[in-house]
Amino acid sequence: MYALNIKLGLSHMEFFGFAENKQNEVNLDKDVTISKIYVKTGDKVKKGQLILQVVNNEITEEINQLDVALIGVKIKESLNIDEIKAEILGLDQEKSNKIIELQSKIKIAEKDFIFYKELMKSSKGSMMEFGPDIQNPKAEYIKNLQEEIKSVSNTYDKQIQHYKNMMASPQETMTMQNQMSRKKKYLKSEVEKFDVVAPYDGIIGNINVREGENIKAFASLISIYESSPPIVLGYILEKYNFQLNIGDSLTIRSVYNPGKTVIGSIVSKGNRIVEIPEKFRKIQDVKIYGIEIFIAIPQENQFLQKETLKISFIQ
């Protein structure tokens, strides 16, 4: 039985594990359309490198709506200017018509006076009675008409100048155009933020999308994992767990390439009993159980992801 236990178990001086890469699933929190894919599975990428170009469907639609609105505002601006010009022409015409009407009344009054003078000349008695200088009985009326012409002219001139000032000053539509243009510029800058870049130096894993495909928010676009495994996941028998503590150093060596060796440090221990993977058991058909040990290793290691490793206590 003792011999069998030795055969089935793992040594208390060494145990096994594998190199584990950190893998991230890249996604976005908005619905997008895939515009361009710049990488393929297995490509090595640098942090910040563009890997996907996407279009935010919501922002694109809002930009399209702004373009339509801007066209409407420009048409409205044109209509406003044409309306103002038409109003000025109308006021000019009204002013001219009223002045012509008043001037006609003055001419009629003056003709009446001439006729009155001729009538007076034909009567000597009347000439002697009124004297050589005959006053126009409609002089006050004519004076009032002349004053009215000035008043009408001033009133219309003020109104016409008001409309001319409106044409010369910034229009409400111009303000609306500026606001919409600024918003459009901001939205375009937001679209650029949805270019997807590599979060760290690594290797492209699965590419889950195709160019032109519409993708829902939070769906996985691409997986990327670190080029060098930063962690070793080891399994030690439960009864040897007490011999290991956080911060302890261990020798990590490749089982099939012993020349690849580094020193690692325990960063965490599992809090449950798990089945030790079959390939780490001396007799694969017999299940044994232990504790997971998480060991940090230097970034400049040559281990492959999931490579089988032998983990030893430092003597």
Protein backbone atom coordinates (compact mmCIF):
# COMPACT_ATOMS: atom_id res chain seq x y z
CA MET A 1 0.00 0.00 0.00
CA TYR A 2 2.85 2.39 0.84
CA ALA A 3 4.50 1.69 -2.49
CA LEU A 4 1.18 2.22 -4.29
CA ASN A 5 0.63 5.56 -2.55
CA ILE A 6 4.11 6.66 -3.57
CA LYS A 7 3.40 5.63 -7.14
CA LEU A 8 0.03 7.31 -7.32
CA GLY A 9 0.99 10.52 -5.62
CA LEU A 10 3.22 13.42 -6.50
CA SER A 11 6.47 14.21 -4.75
CA HIS A 12 6.35 16.73 -1.96
CA MET A 13 9.49 18.29 -3.47
CA GLU A 14 8.05 18.83 -6.94
CA PHE A 15 4.74 19.01 -8.73
CA PHE A 16 3.42 19.89 -12.18
CA GLY A 17 1.53 22.66 -13.87
CA PHE A 18 1.24 24.59 -17.12
CA ALA A 19 1.96 28.05 -18.44
CA GLU A 20 -1.15 30.21 -18.60
CA ASN A 21 -1.59 33.28 -20.82
CA LYS A 22 -3.94 36.09 -19.90
CA GLN A 23 -6.60 36.21 -22.61
CA ASN A 24 -8.99 39.10 -23.15
CA GLU A 25 -12.17 39.20 -25.16
CA VAL A 26 -12.36 42.57 -26.92
CA ASN A 27 -15.86 44.06 -27.11
CA LEU A 28 -17.61 47.42 -27.23
CA ASP A 29 -20.59 48.78 -25.31
CA LYS A 30 -22.43 49.95 -28.46
CA ASP A 31 -23.84 48.34 -31.60
CA VAL A 32 -21.25 48.63 -34.38
CA THR A 33 -20.59 47.64 -37.96
CA ILE A 34 -17.20 46.11 -38.73
CA SER A 35 -15.54 48.36 -41.30
CA LYS A 36 -12.04 46.83 -41.56
CA ILE A 37 -10.11 43.98 -39.94
CA TYR A 38 -6.35 44.63 -39.84
CA VAL A 39 -5.13 41.39 -38.23
CA LYS A 40 -5.50 37.64 -38.52
CA THR A 41 -5.31 34.81 -36.00
CA GLY A 42 -1.74 34.30 -34.76
CA ASP A 43 -0.53 37.82 -35.55
CA LYS A 44 1.72 39.44 -32.99
CA VAL A 45 0.56 42.95 -32.11
CA LYS A 46 1.95 45.84 -30.10
CA LYS A 47 0.03 47.76 -27.45
CA GLY A 48 -2.03 50.50 -29.13
CA GLN A 49 -1.85 48.91 -32.59
CA LEU A 50 -5.04 49.25 -34.65
CA ILE A 51 -6.65 45.83 -34.99
CA LEU A 52 -10.22 46.69 -36.01
CA GLN A 53 -12.01 49.66 -37.50
CA VAL A 54 -15.67 49.87 -36.63
CA VAL A 55 -18.53 52.28 -37.19
CA ASN A 56 -20.88 53.17 -34.37
CA ASN A 57 -24.31 52.72 -35.90
CA GLU A 58 -26.05 55.12 -33.48
CA ILE A 59 -23.55 57.94 -34.01
CA THR A 60 -23.51 57.41 -37.78
CA GLU A 61 -27.29 57.65 -37.89
CA GLU A 62 -27.20 60.82 -35.79
CA ILE A 63 -24.61 62.35 -38.16
CA ASN A 64 -26.85 61.49 -41.13
CA GLN A 65 -29.80 63.16 -39.41
CA LEU A 66 -27.68 66.26 -38.74
CA ASP A 67 -26.72 66.43 -42.43
CA VAL A 68 -30.39 66.40 -43.40
CA ALA A 69 -31.16 69.04 -40.76
CA LEU A 70 -28.30 71.26 -41.99
CA ILE A 71 -29.69 71.14 -45.53
CA GLY A 72 -33.07 72.21 -44.15
CA VAL A 73 -31.52 75.09 -42.19
CA LYS A 74 -29.64 76.31 -45.28
CA ILE A 75 -32.89 76.25 -47.29
CA LYS A 76 -34.63 78.13 -44.49
CA GLU A 77 -31.81 80.70 -44.44
CA SER A 78 -32.20 81.22 -48.19
CA LEU A 79 -35.96 81.52 -47.83
CA ASN A 80 -35.58 84.04 -45.01
CA ILE A 81 -33.30 86.25 -47.07
CA ASP A 82 -35.67 86.06 -50.05
CA GLU A 83 -38.60 86.89 -47.76
CA ILE A 84 -36.75 89.92 -46.37
CA LYS A 85 -35.88 91.13 -49.86
CA ALA A 86 -39.51 90.71 -50.90
CA GLU A 87 -40.63 92.65 -47.81
CA ILE A 88 -38.24 95.51 -48.64
CA LEU A 89 -39.51 95.66 -52.21
CA GLY A 90 -43.08 95.65 -50.94
CA LEU A 91 -42.40 98.51 -48.53
CA ASP A 92 -40.65 100.50 -51.26
CA GLN A 93 -43.66 100.04 -53.49
CA GLU A 94 -46.12 101.02 -50.75
CA LYS A 95 -44.04 104.10 -49.92
CA SER A 96 -43.93 105.13 -53.59
CA ASN A 97 -47.69 104.57 -54.06
CA LYS A 98 -48.63 106.63 -50.99
CA ILE A 99 -46.30 109.48 -51.89
CA ILE A 100 -47.64 109.53 -55.48
CA GLU A 101 -51.19 109.63 -54.08
CA LEU A 102 -50.36 112.55 -51.78
CA GLN A 103 -48.48 114.40 -54.52
CA SER A 104 -51.53 113.96 -56.80
CA LYS A 105 -53.71 115.59 -54.15
CA ILE A 106 -51.27 118.51 -53.93
CA LYS A 107 -51.33 118.97 -57.72
CA ILE A 108 -55.11 118.91 -57.76
CA ALA A 109 -55.18 121.56 -54.99
CA GLU A 110 -52.69 123.72 -56.88
CA LYS A 111 -54.73 123.39 -60.12
CA ASP A 112 -57.84 124.42 -58.19
CA PHE A 113 -55.96 127.51 -56.96
CA ILE A 114 -54.88 128.46 -60.50
CA PHE A 115 -58.44 128.12 -61.69
CA TYR A 116 -59.59 130.21 -58.74
CA LYS A 117 -57.08 132.98 -59.63
CA GLU A 118 -58.21 133.05 -63.26
CA LEU A 119 -61.76 133.27 -62.11
CA MET A 120 -60.92 136.21 -59.87
CA LYS A 121 -59.14 138.06 -62.70
CA SER A 122 -62.25 137.91 -64.84
CA SER A 123 -64.08 139.99 -62.25
CA LYS A 124 -62.59 143.54 -61.75
CA GLY A 125 -64.63 144.03 -58.70
CA SER A 126 -63.28 140.95 -57.16
CA MET A 127 -59.69 141.93 -58.00
CA MET A 128 -60.17 145.23 -56.30
CA GLU A 129 -61.86 143.57 -53.40
CA PHE A 130 -59.08 140.96 -52.82
CA GLY A 131 -56.11 142.96 -53.99
CA PRO A 132 -53.29 141.84 -56.33
CA ASP A 133 -51.99 139.01 -54.02
CA ILE A 134 -54.64 136.37 -53.75
CA GLN A 135 -54.07 133.76 -51.01
CA ASN A 136 -54.71 130.11 -51.84
CA PRO A 137 -57.59 128.97 -49.69
CA LYS A 138 -56.12 125.43 -49.79
CA ALA A 139 -52.62 126.49 -48.70
CA GLU A 140 -53.03 124.86 -45.25
CA TYR A 141 -54.36 121.70 -46.87
CA ILE A 142 -51.35 121.55 -49.22
CA LYS A 143 -48.96 122.14 -46.32
CA ASN A 144 -50.53 119.26 -44.40
CA LEU A 145 -50.16 117.00 -47.43
CA GLN A 146 -46.48 117.91 -47.73
CA GLU A 147 -45.93 117.12 -44.04
CA GLU A 148 -47.72 113.83 -44.52
CA ILE A 149 -45.35 112.98 -47.40
CA LYS A 150 -42.37 113.54 -45.08
CA SER A 151 -43.97 111.45 -42.34
CA VAL A 152 -44.82 108.59 -44.71
CA SER A 153 -41.32 108.67 -46.18
CA ASN A 154 -39.66 108.56 -42.72
CA THR A 155 -41.93 105.74 -41.50
CA TYR A 156 -41.24 103.53 -44.51
CA ASP A 157 -37.53 104.36 -44.53
CA LYS A 158 -37.24 103.17 -40.91
CA GLN A 159 -39.02 99.91 -41.69
CA ILE A 160 -36.90 99.32 -44.78
CA GLN A 161 -33.70 100.01 -42.81
CA HIS A 162 -34.83 97.54 -40.14
CA TYR A 163 -35.10 94.78 -42.73
CA LYS A 164 -31.78 95.75 -44.28
CA ASN A 165 -30.18 95.46 -40.83
CA MET A 166 -31.70 92.00 -40.49
CA MET A 167 -30.00 90.96 -43.72
CA ALA A 168 -26.68 92.42 -42.62
CA SER A 169 -26.68 90.96 -39.10
CA PRO A 170 -26.15 87.20 -38.26
CA GLN A 171 -29.31 85.24 -38.80
CA GLU A 172 -30.87 82.77 -36.38
CA THR A 173 -30.31 80.12 -39.01
CA MET A 174 -26.58 80.86 -38.97
CA THR A 175 -26.52 80.21 -35.23
CA MET A 176 -28.34 76.93 -35.77
CA GLN A 177 -25.88 75.96 -38.50
CA ASN A 178 -22.91 76.67 -36.23
CA GLN A 179 -24.41 74.62 -33.41
CA MET A 180 -25.16 71.69 -35.71
CA SER A 181 -21.73 71.85 -37.34
CA ARG A 182 -20.00 71.78 -33.93
CA LYS A 183 -22.13 68.80 -32.86
CA LYS A 184 -21.35 66.98 -36.11
CA LYS A 185 -17.63 67.58 -35.60
CA TYR A 186 -17.87 66.21 -32.04
CA LEU A 187 -19.80 63.12 -33.19
CA LYS A 188 -17.21 62.42 -35.87
CA SER A 189 -14.48 62.53 -33.23
CA GLU A 190 -16.54 60.08 -31.16
CA VAL A 191 -16.71 57.69 -34.12
CA GLU A 192 -12.92 57.67 -34.31
CA LYS A 193 -12.76 56.52 -30.69
CA PHE A 194 -14.33 53.23 -31.75
CA ASP A 195 -11.24 52.19 -33.67
CA VAL A 196 -10.19 49.11 -31.72
CA VAL A 197 -6.55 48.87 -30.65
CA ALA A 198 -4.57 46.15 -28.90
CA PRO A 199 -4.75 46.58 -25.10
CA TYR A 200 -1.23 45.16 -24.67
CA ASP A 201 1.56 43.38 -26.56
CA GLY A 202 0.17 40.00 -27.49
CA ILE A 203 -1.04 37.49 -30.04
CA ILE A 204 -4.37 37.55 -31.82
CA GLY A 205 -6.56 34.58 -30.94
CA ASN A 206 -10.05 34.06 -32.33
CA ILE A 207 -11.54 36.64 -34.69
CA ASN A 208 -15.29 36.37 -34.21
CA VAL A 209 -16.46 38.93 -36.77
CA ARG A 210 -16.37 39.63 -40.50
CA GLU A 211 -16.05 42.90 -42.41
CA GLY A 212 -19.44 44.49 -43.03
CA GLU A 213 -21.09 42.54 -40.20
CA ASN A 214 -23.38 44.32 -37.73
CA ILE A 215 -22.44 43.43 -34.17
CA LYS A 216 -24.50 43.91 -31.02
CA ALA A 217 -23.10 45.68 -27.96
CA PHE A 218 -20.82 43.60 -25.69
CA ALA A 219 -20.47 40.77 -28.23
CA SER A 220 -16.94 39.35 -28.45
CA LEU A 221 -15.07 40.82 -31.44
CA ILE A 222 -11.56 39.43 -31.07
CA SER A 223 -9.64 37.52 -28.41
CA ILE A 224 -6.05 38.48 -27.66
CA TYR A 225 -3.60 36.86 -25.28
CA GLU A 226 -0.19 37.87 -24.01
CA SER A 227 2.77 36.73 -26.09
CA SER A 228 4.54 35.30 -23.03
CA PRO A 229 2.63 33.50 -20.27
CA PRO A 230 2.79 35.59 -17.06
CA ILE A 231 1.38 32.88 -14.80
CA VAL A 232 1.98 29.20 -14.10
CA LEU A 233 -0.94 27.20 -12.73
CA GLY A 234 0.36 24.28 -10.69
CA TYR A 235 -1.35 21.45 -8.76
CA ILE A 236 -0.02 20.09 -5.50
CA LEU A 237 -1.43 17.32 -3.32
CA GLU A 238 -3.57 18.58 -0.49
CA LYS A 239 -1.29 17.10 2.17
CA TYR A 240 1.68 19.16 0.93
CA ASN A 241 -0.24 22.42 0.72
CA PHE A 242 0.96 23.60 4.13
CA GLN A 243 4.57 23.64 2.89
CA LEU A 244 3.85 26.48 0.46
CA ASN A 245 3.20 30.13 1.33
CA ILE A 246 2.47 33.31 -0.63
CA GLY A 247 5.77 34.83 -1.76
CA ASP A 248 7.74 31.56 -1.79
CA SER A 249 10.10 31.13 -4.73
CA LEU A 250 10.00 28.03 -6.91
CA THR A 251 11.98 26.71 -9.87
CA ILE A 252 9.90 26.38 -13.04
CA ARG A 253 11.28 24.06 -15.75
CA SER A 254 9.87 22.79 -19.06
CA VAL A 255 9.26 19.04 -18.91
CA TYR A 256 10.22 18.48 -22.54
CA ASN A 257 12.83 21.22 -22.86
CA PRO A 258 14.67 21.45 -19.52
CA GLY A 259 16.83 24.28 -20.82
CA LYS A 260 13.86 26.62 -20.40
CA THR A 261 13.99 27.42 -16.69
CA VAL A 262 12.92 30.44 -14.62
CA ILE A 263 12.35 31.31 -10.98
CA GLY A 264 8.76 32.10 -10.07
CA SER A 265 6.97 33.41 -6.98
CA ILE A 266 3.69 32.18 -5.49
CA VAL A 267 1.07 34.91 -5.78
CA SER A 268 -2.04 32.98 -4.77
CA LYS A 269 -3.37 29.60 -3.63
CA GLY A 270 -6.71 28.05 -4.47
CA ASN A 271 -9.39 27.88 -1.77
CA ARG A 272 -10.93 24.59 -2.89
CA ILE A 273 -9.95 20.98 -3.55
CA VAL A 274 -9.84 20.19 -7.28
CA GLU A 275 -9.14 17.15 -9.40
CA ILE A 276 -5.55 17.18 -10.62
CA PRO A 277 -5.52 17.03 -14.46
CA GLU A 278 -4.90 13.61 -15.95
CA LYS A 279 -1.61 14.49 -17.63
CA PHE A 280 -0.14 15.49 -14.25
CA ARG A 281 -0.92 12.13 -12.64
CA LYS A 282 1.54 9.21 -12.53
CA ILE A 283 -1.27 6.75 -13.22
CA GLN A 284 -3.64 8.66 -15.48
CA ASP A 285 -6.65 6.43 -14.90
CA VAL A 286 -6.59 6.99 -11.13
CA LYS A 287 -8.02 10.31 -9.97
CA ILE A 288 -6.13 12.30 -7.35
CA TYR A 289 -6.96 15.67 -5.83
CA GLY A 290 -5.07 18.71 -4.69
CA ILE A 291 -4.77 22.50 -4.48
CA GLU A 292 -4.23 25.02 -7.28
CA ILE A 293 -1.08 27.15 -6.93
CA PHE A 294 -0.69 30.37 -8.95
CA ILE A 295 2.92 31.34 -9.65
CA ALA A 296 4.07 34.58 -11.31
CA ILE A 297 7.00 34.23 -13.69
CA PRO A 298 9.15 36.84 -15.48
CA GLN A 299 7.69 38.30 -18.65
CA GLU A 300 10.84 37.44 -20.62
CA ASN A 301 10.20 33.69 -20.48
CA GLN A 302 10.14 31.28 -23.42
CA PHE A 303 7.29 29.07 -22.30
CA LEU A 304 4.40 28.31 -24.62
CA GLN A 305 0.79 28.64 -23.55
CA LYS A 306 -0.36 25.44 -21.82
CA GLU A 307 3.20 24.05 -21.93
CA THR A 308 3.69 21.31 -19.27
CA LEU A 309 6.05 22.46 -16.55
CA LYS A 310 7.77 20.86 -13.57
CA ILE A 311 7.70 22.99 -10.41
CA SER A 312 10.33 22.36 -7.73
CA PHE A 313 11.06 23.63 -4.25
CA ILE A 314 14.28 25.62 -4.06
CA GLN A 315 16.64 23.70 -1.81
